[in-house]
Amino acid sequence: MSVIKILYLNDEEFMRMVFVVMALALIVAFFSIYSMRKIEKMSQ
C-alpha cells in the first residue's frame, strides 16, 4: 500500500523516473547496435 501511496503523491517524479529509464534504455540499445556494426566491419 505504501508504494501505491508514494506513486500517487509523487506523480511528476514517477513520470520523470520512467522517462529517464526509457532514455537510458534507448541509449544502451543504440550503443549495442553501433558496437555490433563496428565489430562486423572489423571482422570483414
PDB file of N, CA and C in Angstrom:
ATOM      1  N   MET A   1       0.830  -1.210   0.000  1.00  0.00           N
ATOM      2  CA  MET A   1       0.000   0.000   0.000  1.00  0.00           C
ATOM      3  C   MET A   1       0.860   1.253   0.000  1.00  0.00           C
ATOM      4  N   SER A   2       1.966   1.228   0.705  1.00  0.00           N
ATOM      5  CA  SER A   2       2.816   2.423   0.793  1.00  0.00           C
ATOM      6  C   SER A   2       3.381   2.793  -0.579  1.00  0.00           C
ATOM      7  N   VAL A   3       3.681   1.770  -1.397  1.00  0.00           N
ATOM      8  CA  VAL A   3       4.228   2.053  -2.730  1.00  0.00           C
ATOM      9  C   VAL A   3       3.195   2.796  -3.563  1.00  0.00           C
ATOM     10  N   ILE A   4       1.934   2.328  -3.512  1.00  0.00           N
ATOM     11  CA  ILE A   4       0.872   2.994  -4.273  1.00  0.00           C
ATOM     12  C   ILE A   4       0.711   4.432  -3.790  1.00  0.00           C
ATOM     13  N   LYS A   5       0.785   4.636  -2.467  1.00  0.00           N
ATOM     14  CA  LYS A   5       0.645   5.984  -1.907  1.00  0.00           C
ATOM     15  C   LYS A   5       1.762   6.886  -2.425  1.00  0.00           C
ATOM     16  N   ILE A   6       2.989   6.359  -2.467  1.00  0.00           N
ATOM     17  CA  ILE A   6       4.128   7.155  -2.952  1.00  0.00           C
ATOM     18  C   ILE A   6       3.911   7.519  -4.423  1.00  0.00           C
ATOM     19  N   LEU A   7       3.422   6.555  -5.222  1.00  0.00           N
ATOM     20  CA  LEU A   7       3.202   6.836  -6.640  1.00  0.00           C
ATOM     21  C   LEU A   7       2.169   7.951  -6.806  1.00  0.00           C
ATOM     22  N   TYR A   8       1.082   7.897  -6.007  1.00  0.00           N
ATOM     23  CA  TYR A   8       0.053   8.927  -6.131  1.00  0.00           C
ATOM     24  C   TYR A   8       0.556  10.282  -5.638  1.00  0.00           C
ATOM     25  N   LEU A   9       1.394  10.288  -4.609  1.00  0.00           N
ATOM     26  CA  LEU A   9       1.895  11.551  -4.072  1.00  0.00           C
ATOM     27  C   LEU A   9       2.889  12.200  -5.037  1.00  0.00           C
ATOM     28  N   ASN A  10       3.836  11.397  -5.568  1.00  0.00           N
ATOM     29  CA  ASN A  10       4.899  11.946  -6.414  1.00  0.00           C
ATOM     30  C   ASN A  10       4.687  11.508  -7.864  1.00  0.00           C
ATOM     31  N   ASP A  11       3.556  11.924  -8.445  1.00  0.00           N
ATOM     32  CA  ASP A  11       3.242  11.511  -9.809  1.00  0.00           C
ATOM     33  C   ASP A  11       4.256  12.093 -10.791  1.00  0.00           C
ATOM     34  N   GLU A  12       4.603  13.382 -10.617  1.00  0.00           N
ATOM     35  CA  GLU A  12       5.554  14.016 -11.535  1.00  0.00           C
ATOM     36  C   GLU A  12       6.921  13.358 -11.434  1.00  0.00           C
ATOM     37  N   GLU A  13       7.366  13.086 -10.204  1.00  0.00           N
ATOM     38  CA  GLU A  13       8.668  12.443 -10.032  1.00  0.00           C
ATOM     39  C   GLU A  13       8.663  11.049 -10.643  1.00  0.00           C
ATOM     40  N   PHE A  14       7.534  10.327 -10.487  1.00  0.00           N
ATOM     41  CA  PHE A  14       7.430   8.984 -11.054  1.00  0.00           C
ATOM     42  C   PHE A  14       7.525   9.039 -12.579  1.00  0.00           C
ATOM     43  N   MET A  15       6.807   9.995 -13.201  1.00  0.00           N
ATOM     44  CA  MET A  15       6.850  10.132 -14.658  1.00  0.00           C
ATOM     45  C   MET A  15       8.258  10.478 -15.115  1.00  0.00           C
ATOM     46  N   ARG A  16       8.942  11.354 -14.357  1.00  0.00           N
ATOM     47  CA  ARG A  16      10.312  11.735 -14.706  1.00  0.00           C
ATOM     48  C   ARG A  16      11.231  10.518 -14.625  1.00  0.00           C
ATOM     49  N   MET A  17      11.028   9.688 -13.585  1.00  0.00           N
ATOM     50  CA  MET A  17      11.850   8.487 -13.427  1.00  0.00           C
ATOM     51  C   MET A  17      11.622   7.532 -14.605  1.00  0.00           C
ATOM     52  N   VAL A  18      10.356   7.357 -15.000  1.00  0.00           N
ATOM     53  CA  VAL A  18      10.043   6.485 -16.138  1.00  0.00           C
ATOM     54  C   VAL A  18      10.707   7.021 -17.400  1.00  0.00           C
ATOM     55  N   PHE A  19      10.652   8.345 -17.605  1.00  0.00           N
ATOM     56  CA  PHE A  19      11.261   8.957 -18.787  1.00  0.00           C
ATOM     57  C   PHE A  19      12.765   8.719 -18.802  1.00  0.00           C
ATOM     58  N   VAL A  20      13.418   8.881 -17.647  1.00  0.00           N
ATOM     59  CA  VAL A  20      14.868   8.677 -17.560  1.00  0.00           C
ATOM     60  C   VAL A  20      15.215   7.224 -17.870  1.00  0.00           C
ATOM     61  N   VAL A  21      14.432   6.287 -17.329  1.00  0.00           N
ATOM     62  CA  VAL A  21      14.697   4.861 -17.587  1.00  0.00           C
ATOM     63  C   VAL A  21      14.553   4.562 -19.076  1.00  0.00           C
ATOM     64  N   MET A  22      13.514   5.119 -19.719  1.00  0.00           N
ATOM     65  CA  MET A  22      13.321   4.895 -21.151  1.00  0.00           C
ATOM     66  C   MET A  22      14.478   5.479 -21.944  1.00  0.00           C
ATOM     67  N   ALA A  23      14.938   6.677 -21.575  1.00  0.00           N
ATOM     68  CA  ALA A  23      16.057   7.306 -22.281  1.00  0.00           C
ATOM     69  C   ALA A  23      17.316   6.456 -22.141  1.00  0.00           C
ATOM     70  N   LEU A  24      17.580   5.954 -20.935  1.00  0.00           N
ATOM     71  CA  LEU A  24      18.762   5.109 -20.727  1.00  0.00           C
ATOM     72  C   LEU A  24      18.657   3.839 -21.560  1.00  0.00           C
ATOM     73  N   ALA A  25      17.464   3.241 -21.636  1.00  0.00           N
ATOM     74  CA  ALA A  25      17.287   2.023 -22.430  1.00  0.00           C
ATOM     75  C   ALA A  25      17.562   2.302 -23.905  1.00  0.00           C
ATOM     76  N   LEU A  26      17.087   3.454 -24.410  1.00  0.00           N
ATOM     77  CA  LEU A  26      17.343   3.813 -25.807  1.00  0.00           C
ATOM     78  C   LEU A  26      18.831   3.990 -26.051  1.00  0.00           C
ATOM     79  N   ILE A  27      19.533   4.655 -25.126  1.00  0.00           N
ATOM     80  CA  ILE A  27      20.974   4.885 -25.282  1.00  0.00           C
ATOM     81  C   ILE A  27      21.712   3.552 -25.293  1.00  0.00           C
ATOM     82  N   VAL A  28      21.357   2.646 -24.377  1.00  0.00           N
ATOM     83  CA  VAL A  28      22.022   1.334 -24.318  1.00  0.00           C
ATOM     84  C   VAL A  28      21.776   0.561 -25.614  1.00  0.00           C
ATOM     85  N   ALA A  29      20.540   0.582 -26.114  1.00  0.00           N
ATOM     86  CA  ALA A  29      20.225  -0.129 -27.352  1.00  0.00           C
ATOM     87  C   ALA A  29      21.021   0.458 -28.513  1.00  0.00           C
ATOM     88  N   PHE A  30      21.109   1.788 -28.597  1.00  0.00           N
ATOM     89  CA  PHE A  30      21.850   2.439 -29.675  1.00  0.00           C
ATOM     90  C   PHE A  30      23.322   2.042 -29.635  1.00  0.00           C
ATOM     91  N   PHE A  31      23.932   2.076 -28.442  1.00  0.00           N
ATOM     92  CA  PHE A  31      25.353   1.739 -28.322  1.00  0.00           C
ATOM     93  C   PHE A  31      25.593   0.271 -28.658  1.00  0.00           C
ATOM     94  N   SER A  32      24.688  -0.626 -28.258  1.00  0.00           N
ATOM     95  CA  SER A  32      24.877  -2.052 -28.549  1.00  0.00           C
ATOM     96  C   SER A  32      24.811  -2.299 -30.055  1.00  0.00           C
ATOM     97  N   ILE A  33      23.845  -1.658 -30.745  1.00  0.00           N
ATOM     98  CA  ILE A  33      23.739  -1.812 -32.201  1.00  0.00           C
ATOM     99  C   ILE A  33      24.978  -1.226 -32.871  1.00  0.00           C
ATOM    100  N   TYR A  34      25.427  -0.054 -32.415  1.00  0.00           N
ATOM    101  CA  TYR A  34      26.597   0.601 -33.002  1.00  0.00           C
ATOM    102  C   TYR A  34      27.841  -0.265 -32.842  1.00  0.00           C
ATOM    103  N   SER A  35      28.052  -0.826 -31.648  1.00  0.00           N
ATOM    104  CA  SER A  35      29.236  -1.657 -31.406  1.00  0.00           C
ATOM    105  C   SER A  35      29.165  -2.942 -32.223  1.00  0.00           C
ATOM    106  N   MET A  36      27.970  -3.520 -32.374  1.00  0.00           N
ATOM    107  CA  MET A  36      27.834  -4.733 -33.181  1.00  0.00           C
ATOM    108  C   MET A  36      28.210  -4.448 -34.627  1.00  0.00           C
ATOM    109  N   ARG A  37      27.761  -3.328 -35.185  1.00  0.00           N
ATOM    110  CA  ARG A  37      28.103  -2.979 -36.566  1.00  0.00           C
ATOM    111  C   ARG A  37      29.596  -2.733 -36.696  1.00  0.00           C
ATOM    112  N   LYS A  38      30.208  -2.108 -35.691  1.00  0.00           N
ATOM    113  CA  LYS A  38      31.643  -1.838 -35.717  1.00  0.00           C
ATOM    114  C   LYS A  38      32.423  -3.150 -35.737  1.00  0.00           C
ATOM    115  N   ILE A  39      31.998  -4.117 -34.905  1.00  0.00           N
ATOM    116  CA  ILE A  39      32.681  -5.418 -34.854  1.00  0.00           C
ATOM    117  C   ILE A  39      32.525  -6.128 -36.202  1.00  0.00           C
ATOM    118  N   GLU A  40      31.345  -6.044 -36.824  1.00  0.00           N
ATOM    119  CA  GLU A  40      31.138  -6.686 -38.121  1.00  0.00           C
ATOM    120  C   GLU A  40      32.073  -6.095 -39.168  1.00  0.00           C
ATOM    121  N   LYS A  41      32.248  -4.768 -39.169  1.00  0.00           N
ATOM    122  CA  LYS A  41      33.147  -4.132 -40.137  1.00  0.00           C
ATOM    123  C   LYS A  41      34.590  -4.573 -39.899  1.00  0.00           C
ATOM    124  N   MET A  42      35.009  -4.692 -38.630  1.00  0.00           N
ATOM    125  CA  MET A  42      36.381  -5.084 -38.326  1.00  0.00           C
ATOM    126  C   MET A  42      36.635  -6.538 -38.729  1.00  0.00           C
ATOM    127  N   SER A  43      35.636  -7.409 -38.597  1.00  0.00           N
ATOM    128  CA  SER A  43      35.829  -8.833 -38.887  1.00  0.00           C
ATOM    129  C   SER A  43      35.951  -9.078 -40.387  1.00  0.00           C
ATOM    130  N   GLN A  44      35.364  -8.220 -41.205  1.00  0.00           N
ATOM    131  CA  GLN A  44      35.411  -8.431 -42.658  1.00  0.00           C
ATOM    132  C   GLN A  44      36.808  -8.209 -43.209  1.00  0.00           C
TER     133      GLN A  44
END
